[in-house]
Amino acid sequence: MDLQPVLLTFQLAALTTMILFLLGMPLAYWLAMSRSRYRQIVQTLVSMPLILPPVVLGFYLLLLFSPESYLGSFLEKFFHIRLVFNFPGIVLGSVLFNLPFMVQPMQSGFSAIPKSVIEASWTLGKSTLETLFRVILPMSQNAILTAMALTLAHSMGEFGVVLMMGGNIPGETRVASIAIYNAVESLDYKAAHIYSLILFFSSFIILLLIFSLGTSKTFVLRGKNID
C-alpha cells in the first residue's frame, strides 16, 4: 500500500492549520470586538463553508483559477503561479473550506472575555497590543487550541474541494480520502480499510484532545452546537 496519500494528507492539514491560525486570529478578533455594520456580512461569508457542499466551493475555485480564466491566466503569465491540479491549489481550497473551523471557536473565546477586564487593562495604561498579548490571548487559550485542533482534524478529511481543485494526481494531490475512493472503486477493500483506520484514529486522537482541554465554551461545528 502506498503511504504517500497519508503523508500528503498530514502535510495538507498542517499547512492549512498554520495558515488559518495566522489569518483566522485577527479575523476572529475583529468579528468578536467590532461593531461595524459589515460584521454580519463577513460573519455570513466566513460561515458559508459550514453549509455549502464542498464540491460547490471547489467548482467555483476551479473556474476562478483555471488557466482559461482572467485571474488564472494573469497569475500564470505574470507570476508563473498555477493553482489548479497541484498542491498549492488544494491548500488554498482547504484554507477557504476550513475557515469557520478556525474562526468560530476563537471568536467565541474572544467574545466570552468580559469587557470590564479589557477596559481595566486599558485603565492601567496598557496599550491595545499589550492587552491583546497579555490579557485576551491568555484568557482565550482553550478556544485557540480548540480551533487549531478542529481545523487540523477536519482538514484531514478533505475530499470534494481537493478533488475539484486538485484532481487525483499521485504524489501531488491524491490525499488519503481520494485514495480511499480509488481503493473502493478498484475493490481493494484492504487498502481502503487501512487508509480509513489511519484517518479514523488520527481524528479520534485530535478530538479527544479537544474534549480534554476542559473548556466550557460552546463552539459551532457544521451548524450544530457542541459543548
C-alpha atoms as a PDB file:
ATOM      1  CA  MET A   1       0.000   0.000   0.000  1.00  0.00           C
ATOM      2  CA  ASP A   2       1.232   3.480  -0.885  1.00  0.00           C
ATOM      3  CA  LEU A   3       1.582   5.693   2.189  1.00  0.00           C
ATOM      4  CA  GLN A   4       2.185   8.815   0.115  1.00  0.00           C
ATOM      5  CA  PRO A   5      -1.515   9.875   0.303  1.00  0.00           C
ATOM      6  CA  VAL A   6      -1.375   9.687   4.112  1.00  0.00           C
ATOM      7  CA  LEU A   7       1.775  11.797   4.297  1.00  0.00           C
ATOM      8  CA  LEU A   8       0.271  14.268   1.833  1.00  0.00           C
ATOM      9  CA  THR A   9      -2.878  14.446   3.975  1.00  0.00           C
ATOM     10  CA  PHE A  10      -0.917  15.278   7.117  1.00  0.00           C
ATOM     11  CA  GLN A  11       1.122  17.855   5.198  1.00  0.00           C
ATOM     12  CA  LEU A  12      -2.042  19.476   3.854  1.00  0.00           C
ATOM     13  CA  ALA A  13      -3.666  19.500   7.299  1.00  0.00           C
ATOM     14  CA  ALA A  14      -0.596  21.013   8.973  1.00  0.00           C
ATOM     15  CA  LEU A  15      -0.199  23.767   6.362  1.00  0.00           C
ATOM     16  CA  THR A  16      -3.908  24.559   6.441  1.00  0.00           C
ATOM     17  CA  THR A  17      -3.848  24.862  10.222  1.00  0.00           C
ATOM     18  CA  MET A  18      -0.772  27.111  10.272  1.00  0.00           C
ATOM     19  CA  ILE A  19      -2.094  29.418   7.552  1.00  0.00           C
ATOM     20  CA  LEU A  20      -5.533  29.676   9.128  1.00  0.00           C
ATOM     21  CA  PHE A  21      -4.033  30.343  12.547  1.00  0.00           C
ATOM     22  CA  LEU A  22      -2.272  33.412  11.146  1.00  0.00           C
ATOM     23  CA  LEU A  23      -5.252  34.597   9.099  1.00  0.00           C
ATOM     24  CA  GLY A  24      -8.080  33.463  11.355  1.00  0.00           C
ATOM     25  CA  MET A  25      -6.978  35.015  14.635  1.00  0.00           C
ATOM     26  CA  PRO A  26      -7.180  38.687  13.554  1.00  0.00           C
ATOM     27  CA  LEU A  27     -10.431  37.958  11.703  1.00  0.00           C
ATOM     28  CA  ALA A  28     -11.932  36.259  14.759  1.00  0.00           C
ATOM     29  CA  TYR A  29     -10.817  39.142  16.964  1.00  0.00           C
ATOM     30  CA  TRP A  30     -12.414  41.665  14.618  1.00  0.00           C
ATOM     31  CA  LEU A  31     -15.674  39.713  14.480  1.00  0.00           C
ATOM     32  CA  ALA A  32     -15.750  39.462  18.273  1.00  0.00           C
ATOM     33  CA  MET A  33     -14.948  43.090  19.009  1.00  0.00           C
ATOM     34  CA  SER A  34     -16.190  45.073  16.023  1.00  0.00           C
ATOM     35  CA  ARG A  35     -19.499  46.889  15.808  1.00  0.00           C
ATOM     36  CA  SER A  36     -19.172  47.547  12.100  1.00  0.00           C
ATOM     37  CA  ARG A  37     -22.331  47.330  10.014  1.00  0.00           C
ATOM     38  CA  TYR A  38     -20.436  44.959   7.704  1.00  0.00           C
ATOM     39  CA  ARG A  39     -19.788  42.496  10.508  1.00  0.00           C
ATOM     40  CA  GLN A  40     -22.852  40.351   9.771  1.00  0.00           C
ATOM     41  CA  ILE A  41     -21.921  40.104   6.092  1.00  0.00           C
ATOM     42  CA  VAL A  42     -18.386  38.986   6.929  1.00  0.00           C
ATOM     43  CA  GLN A  43     -19.727  36.568   9.533  1.00  0.00           C
ATOM     44  CA  THR A  44     -22.051  35.045   6.949  1.00  0.00           C
ATOM     45  CA  LEU A  45     -19.269  34.641   4.388  1.00  0.00           C
ATOM     46  CA  VAL A  46     -16.999  33.012   6.972  1.00  0.00           C
ATOM     47  CA  SER A  47     -19.752  30.562   7.968  1.00  0.00           C
ATOM     48  CA  MET A  48     -20.788  29.627   4.421  1.00  0.00           C
ATOM     49  CA  PRO A  49     -18.496  26.545   4.182  1.00  0.00           C
ATOM     50  CA  LEU A  50     -20.426  25.014   7.101  1.00  0.00           C
ATOM     51  CA  ILE A  51     -23.490  24.540   4.895  1.00  0.00           C
ATOM     52  CA  LEU A  52     -22.072  24.836   1.381  1.00  0.00           C
ATOM     53  CA  PRO A  53     -21.303  21.497  -0.343  1.00  0.00           C
ATOM     54  CA  PRO A  54     -17.518  21.179  -0.759  1.00  0.00           C
ATOM     55  CA  VAL A  55     -17.855  20.449  -4.481  1.00  0.00           C
ATOM     56  CA  VAL A  56     -19.605  23.793  -4.977  1.00  0.00           C
ATOM     57  CA  LEU A  57     -16.698  25.684  -3.457  1.00  0.00           C
ATOM     58  CA  GLY A  58     -14.229  23.520  -5.367  1.00  0.00           C
ATOM     59  CA  PHE A  59     -16.074  24.066  -8.640  1.00  0.00           C
ATOM     60  CA  TYR A  60     -16.025  27.854  -8.368  1.00  0.00           C
ATOM     61  CA  LEU A  61     -12.387  27.862  -7.286  1.00  0.00           C
ATOM     62  CA  LEU A  62     -11.611  25.731 -10.315  1.00  0.00           C
ATOM     63  CA  LEU A  63     -13.377  28.202 -12.587  1.00  0.00           C
ATOM     64  CA  LEU A  64     -11.774  31.189 -10.879  1.00  0.00           C
ATOM     65  CA  PHE A  65      -8.182  29.952 -11.046  1.00  0.00           C
ATOM     66  CA  SER A  66      -8.216  27.849 -14.220  1.00  0.00           C
ATOM     67  CA  PRO A  67      -5.718  28.953 -16.899  1.00  0.00           C
ATOM     68  CA  GLU A  68      -8.659  29.918 -19.119  1.00  0.00           C
ATOM     69  CA  SER A  69      -9.989  32.451 -16.597  1.00  0.00           C
ATOM     70  CA  TYR A  70      -8.803  36.062 -16.376  1.00  0.00           C
ATOM     71  CA  LEU A  71      -7.381  35.624 -12.873  1.00  0.00           C
ATOM     72  CA  GLY A  72      -5.808  32.257 -13.600  1.00  0.00           C
ATOM     73  CA  SER A  73      -4.169  33.427 -16.819  1.00  0.00           C
ATOM     74  CA  PHE A  74      -2.953  36.619 -15.103  1.00  0.00           C
ATOM     75  CA  LEU A  75      -1.321  34.685 -12.246  1.00  0.00           C
ATOM     76  CA  GLU A  76       0.296  32.226 -14.619  1.00  0.00           C
ATOM     77  CA  LYS A  77       1.506  34.818 -17.136  1.00  0.00           C
ATOM     78  CA  PHE A  78       2.961  37.398 -14.749  1.00  0.00           C
ATOM     79  CA  PHE A  79       3.791  35.391 -11.602  1.00  0.00           C
ATOM     80  CA  HIS A  80       4.139  31.855 -13.005  1.00  0.00           C
ATOM     81  CA  ILE A  81       1.628  30.642 -10.434  1.00  0.00           C
ATOM     82  CA  ARG A  82      -0.824  27.906 -11.303  1.00  0.00           C
ATOM     83  CA  LEU A  83      -3.341  26.924  -8.635  1.00  0.00           C
ATOM     84  CA  VAL A  84      -5.258  24.111 -10.299  1.00  0.00           C
ATOM     85  CA  PHE A  85      -4.238  20.441 -10.210  1.00  0.00           C
ATOM     86  CA  ASN A  86      -1.311  20.967  -7.884  1.00  0.00           C
ATOM     87  CA  PHE A  87      -0.584  21.036  -4.148  1.00  0.00           C
ATOM     88  CA  PRO A  88      -0.730  24.839  -3.611  1.00  0.00           C
ATOM     89  CA  GLY A  89      -4.200  24.794  -5.153  1.00  0.00           C
ATOM     90  CA  ILE A  90      -5.568  22.216  -2.728  1.00  0.00           C
ATOM     91  CA  VAL A  91      -4.001  24.156   0.149  1.00  0.00           C
ATOM     92  CA  LEU A  92      -5.932  27.232  -0.990  1.00  0.00           C
ATOM     93  CA  GLY A  93      -9.154  25.238  -1.219  1.00  0.00           C
ATOM     94  CA  SER A  94      -8.569  23.664   2.183  1.00  0.00           C
ATOM     95  CA  VAL A  95      -7.892  27.053   3.787  1.00  0.00           C
ATOM     96  CA  LEU A  96     -11.134  28.526   2.461  1.00  0.00           C
ATOM     97  CA  PHE A  97     -13.211  25.465   3.331  1.00  0.00           C
ATOM     98  CA  ASN A  98     -11.853  25.217   6.885  1.00  0.00           C
ATOM     99  CA  LEU A  99     -12.058  28.934   7.664  1.00  0.00           C
ATOM    100  CA  PRO A 100     -15.074  28.698  10.020  1.00  0.00           C
ATOM    101  CA  PHE A 101     -13.495  25.839  11.979  1.00  0.00           C
ATOM    102  CA  MET A 102     -10.645  28.152  12.933  1.00  0.00           C
ATOM    103  CA  VAL A 103     -12.527  31.427  13.246  1.00  0.00           C
ATOM    104  CA  GLN A 104     -15.695  30.458  15.126  1.00  0.00           C
ATOM    105  CA  PRO A 105     -14.093  28.816  18.209  1.00  0.00           C
ATOM    106  CA  MET A 106     -11.646  31.707  18.590  1.00  0.00           C
ATOM    107  CA  GLN A 107     -14.416  34.235  18.081  1.00  0.00           C
ATOM    108  CA  SER A 108     -16.419  32.558  20.856  1.00  0.00           C
ATOM    109  CA  GLY A 109     -13.376  32.682  23.127  1.00  0.00           C
ATOM    110  CA  PHE A 110     -12.726  36.360  22.451  1.00  0.00           C
ATOM    111  CA  SER A 111     -16.413  37.234  22.907  1.00  0.00           C
ATOM    112  CA  ALA A 112     -16.521  35.499  26.288  1.00  0.00           C
ATOM    113  CA  ILE A 113     -13.916  37.818  27.805  1.00  0.00           C
ATOM    114  CA  PRO A 114     -15.693  40.425  29.965  1.00  0.00           C
ATOM    115  CA  LYS A 115     -15.404  43.929  28.599  1.00  0.00           C
ATOM    116  CA  SER A 116     -14.568  45.118  32.095  1.00  0.00           C
ATOM    117  CA  VAL A 117     -11.344  43.094  32.080  1.00  0.00           C
ATOM    118  CA  ILE A 118     -10.208  44.663  28.810  1.00  0.00           C
ATOM    119  CA  GLU A 119     -11.175  48.143  29.993  1.00  0.00           C
ATOM    120  CA  ALA A 120      -9.305  47.567  33.259  1.00  0.00           C
ATOM    121  CA  SER A 121      -6.162  46.749  31.279  1.00  0.00           C
ATOM    122  CA  TRP A 122      -6.537  49.991  29.349  1.00  0.00           C
ATOM    123  CA  THR A 123      -7.111  51.896  32.596  1.00  0.00           C
ATOM    124  CA  LEU A 124      -3.821  50.537  33.920  1.00  0.00           C
ATOM    125  CA  GLY A 125      -2.069  52.101  30.952  1.00  0.00           C
ATOM    126  CA  LYS A 126      -1.663  49.034  28.776  1.00  0.00           C
ATOM    127  CA  SER A 127      -1.801  49.584  25.042  1.00  0.00           C
ATOM    128  CA  THR A 128      -4.179  47.703  22.768  1.00  0.00           C
ATOM    129  CA  LEU A 129      -1.341  45.432  21.647  1.00  0.00           C
ATOM    130  CA  GLU A 130      -0.238  44.740  25.220  1.00  0.00           C
ATOM    131  CA  THR A 131      -3.824  43.999  26.199  1.00  0.00           C
ATOM    132  CA  LEU A 132      -4.118  41.565  23.312  1.00  0.00           C
ATOM    133  CA  PHE A 133      -0.988  39.574  24.190  1.00  0.00           C
ATOM    134  CA  ARG A 134      -1.144  39.807  27.998  1.00  0.00           C
ATOM    135  CA  VAL A 135      -4.886  39.597  28.618  1.00  0.00           C
ATOM    136  CA  ILE A 136      -7.011  38.497  25.656  1.00  0.00           C
ATOM    137  CA  LEU A 137      -4.864  35.704  24.215  1.00  0.00           C
ATOM    138  CA  PRO A 138      -4.021  34.043  27.567  1.00  0.00           C
ATOM    139  CA  MET A 139      -7.695  34.101  28.569  1.00  0.00           C
ATOM    140  CA  SER A 140      -8.646  32.593  25.182  1.00  0.00           C
ATOM    141  CA  GLN A 141      -6.046  29.845  25.240  1.00  0.00           C
ATOM    142  CA  ASN A 142      -8.510  26.951  25.289  1.00  0.00           C
ATOM    143  CA  ALA A 143     -10.552  28.423  22.447  1.00  0.00           C
ATOM    144  CA  ILE A 144      -7.416  28.898  20.333  1.00  0.00           C
ATOM    145  CA  LEU A 145      -6.232  25.331  20.948  1.00  0.00           C
ATOM    146  CA  THR A 146      -9.720  24.042  20.164  1.00  0.00           C
ATOM    147  CA  ALA A 147      -9.777  25.984  16.894  1.00  0.00           C
ATOM    148  CA  MET A 148      -6.401  24.607  15.847  1.00  0.00           C
ATOM    149  CA  ALA A 149      -7.301  21.014  16.742  1.00  0.00           C
ATOM    150  CA  LEU A 150     -10.664  21.243  14.977  1.00  0.00           C
ATOM    151  CA  THR A 151      -9.081  22.656  11.830  1.00  0.00           C
ATOM    152  CA  LEU A 152      -6.375  20.011  11.839  1.00  0.00           C
ATOM    153  CA  ALA A 153      -8.877  17.171  12.245  1.00  0.00           C
ATOM    154  CA  HIS A 154     -11.376  18.469   9.712  1.00  0.00           C
ATOM    155  CA  SER A 155      -8.807  19.247   7.027  1.00  0.00           C
ATOM    156  CA  MET A 156      -7.592  15.625   7.116  1.00  0.00           C
ATOM    157  CA  GLY A 157     -10.942  14.521   5.703  1.00  0.00           C
ATOM    158  CA  GLU A 158     -10.958  16.821   2.662  1.00  0.00           C
ATOM    159  CA  PHE A 159     -12.446  15.262  -0.447  1.00  0.00           C
ATOM    160  CA  GLY A 160     -14.783  17.416  -2.558  1.00  0.00           C
ATOM    161  CA  VAL A 161     -12.680  20.591  -2.595  1.00  0.00           C
ATOM    162  CA  VAL A 162      -9.441  18.665  -3.136  1.00  0.00           C
ATOM    163  CA  LEU A 163     -10.895  16.554  -5.938  1.00  0.00           C
ATOM    164  CA  MET A 164     -12.357  19.543  -7.785  1.00  0.00           C
ATOM    165  CA  MET A 165      -9.359  21.835  -7.324  1.00  0.00           C
ATOM    166  CA  GLY A 166      -6.524  19.321  -7.487  1.00  0.00           C
ATOM    167  CA  GLY A 167      -7.797  16.250  -9.261  1.00  0.00           C
ATOM    168  CA  ASN A 168      -6.309  12.845  -8.485  1.00  0.00           C
ATOM    169  CA  ILE A 169      -2.590  13.155  -9.148  1.00  0.00           C
ATOM    170  CA  PRO A 170      -0.341  10.658  -7.294  1.00  0.00           C
ATOM    171  CA  GLY A 171       2.205  12.359  -5.054  1.00  0.00           C
ATOM    172  CA  GLU A 172       0.731  15.789  -5.772  1.00  0.00           C
ATOM    173  CA  THR A 173      -2.970  15.981  -4.927  1.00  0.00           C
ATOM    174  CA  ARG A 174      -4.033  12.412  -4.084  1.00  0.00           C
ATOM    175  CA  VAL A 175      -4.754  12.656  -0.362  1.00  0.00           C
ATOM    176  CA  ALA A 176      -5.997   9.789   1.826  1.00  0.00           C
ATOM    177  CA  SER A 177      -9.695  10.455   1.256  1.00  0.00           C
ATOM    178  CA  ILE A 178      -9.223  10.217  -2.518  1.00  0.00           C
ATOM    179  CA  ALA A 179      -7.049   7.121  -2.082  1.00  0.00           C
ATOM    180  CA  ILE A 180      -9.935   5.516  -0.166  1.00  0.00           C
ATOM    181  CA  TYR A 181     -12.301   6.319  -3.019  1.00  0.00           C
ATOM    182  CA  ASN A 182      -9.873   4.844  -5.550  1.00  0.00           C
ATOM    183  CA  ALA A 183      -9.384   1.709  -3.463  1.00  0.00           C
ATOM    184  CA  VAL A 184     -13.129   1.132  -3.137  1.00  0.00           C
ATOM    185  CA  GLU A 185     -13.601   1.668  -6.878  1.00  0.00           C
ATOM    186  CA  SER A 186     -10.975  -0.973  -7.602  1.00  0.00           C
ATOM    187  CA  LEU A 187     -12.445  -3.303  -4.908  1.00  0.00           C
ATOM    188  CA  ASP A 188      -9.226  -3.098  -2.874  1.00  0.00           C
ATOM    189  CA  TYR A 189     -11.012  -3.053   0.463  1.00  0.00           C
ATOM    190  CA  LYS A 190      -7.878  -3.916   2.421  1.00  0.00           C
ATOM    191  CA  ALA A 191      -6.163  -0.688   1.350  1.00  0.00           C
ATOM    192  CA  ALA A 192      -9.400   1.253   1.919  1.00  0.00           C
ATOM    193  CA  HIS A 193      -9.589  -0.171   5.449  1.00  0.00           C
ATOM    194  CA  ILE A 194      -6.020   0.843   6.240  1.00  0.00           C
ATOM    195  CA  TYR A 195      -6.426   4.386   4.927  1.00  0.00           C
ATOM    196  CA  SER A 196      -9.755   4.728   6.742  1.00  0.00           C
ATOM    197  CA  LEU A 197      -8.388   3.444  10.045  1.00  0.00           C
ATOM    198  CA  ILE A 198      -5.452   5.848   9.885  1.00  0.00           C
ATOM    199  CA  LEU A 199      -7.825   8.776   9.376  1.00  0.00           C
ATOM    200  CA  PHE A 200     -10.267   7.448  11.969  1.00  0.00           C
ATOM    201  CA  PHE A 201      -7.736   7.106  14.769  1.00  0.00           C
ATOM    202  CA  SER A 202      -5.960  10.351  13.858  1.00  0.00           C
ATOM    203  CA  SER A 203      -9.265  12.232  14.056  1.00  0.00           C
ATOM    204  CA  PHE A 204     -10.205  10.427  17.267  1.00  0.00           C
ATOM    205  CA  ILE A 205      -6.971  11.420  18.983  1.00  0.00           C
ATOM    206  CA  ILE A 206      -7.344  15.045  17.924  1.00  0.00           C
ATOM    207  CA  LEU A 207     -10.986  15.222  19.039  1.00  0.00           C
ATOM    208  CA  LEU A 208     -10.071  13.536  22.329  1.00  0.00           C
ATOM    209  CA  LEU A 209      -7.535  16.309  22.808  1.00  0.00           C
ATOM    210  CA  ILE A 210     -10.249  18.900  22.179  1.00  0.00           C
ATOM    211  CA  PHE A 211     -12.571  17.475  24.831  1.00  0.00           C
ATOM    212  CA  SER A 212      -9.667  17.063  27.255  1.00  0.00           C
ATOM    213  CA  LEU A 213      -8.981  20.799  27.219  1.00  0.00           C
ATOM    214  CA  GLY A 214     -11.652  21.355  29.831  1.00  0.00           C
ATOM    215  CA  THR A 215     -13.167  24.330  28.075  1.00  0.00           C
ATOM    216  CA  SER A 216     -16.806  25.031  28.892  1.00  0.00           C
ATOM    217  CA  LYS A 217     -17.378  27.276  25.908  1.00  0.00           C
ATOM    218  CA  THR A 218     -19.674  26.242  23.092  1.00  0.00           C
ATOM    219  CA  PHE A 219     -18.483  26.255  19.530  1.00  0.00           C
ATOM    220  CA  VAL A 220     -20.240  25.525  16.257  1.00  0.00           C
ATOM    221  CA  LEU A 221     -19.477  22.511  14.099  1.00  0.00           C
ATOM    222  CA  ARG A 222     -21.436  22.155  10.869  1.00  0.00           C
ATOM    223  CA  GLY A 223     -24.398  24.069  12.236  1.00  0.00           C
ATOM    224  CA  LYS A 224     -24.649  22.136  15.497  1.00  0.00           C
ATOM    225  CA  ASN A 225     -23.677  23.293  18.960  1.00  0.00           C
ATOM    226  CA  ILE A 226     -21.131  21.148  20.752  1.00  0.00           C
ATOM    227  CA  ASP A 227     -20.339  21.696  24.439  1.00  0.00           C
END
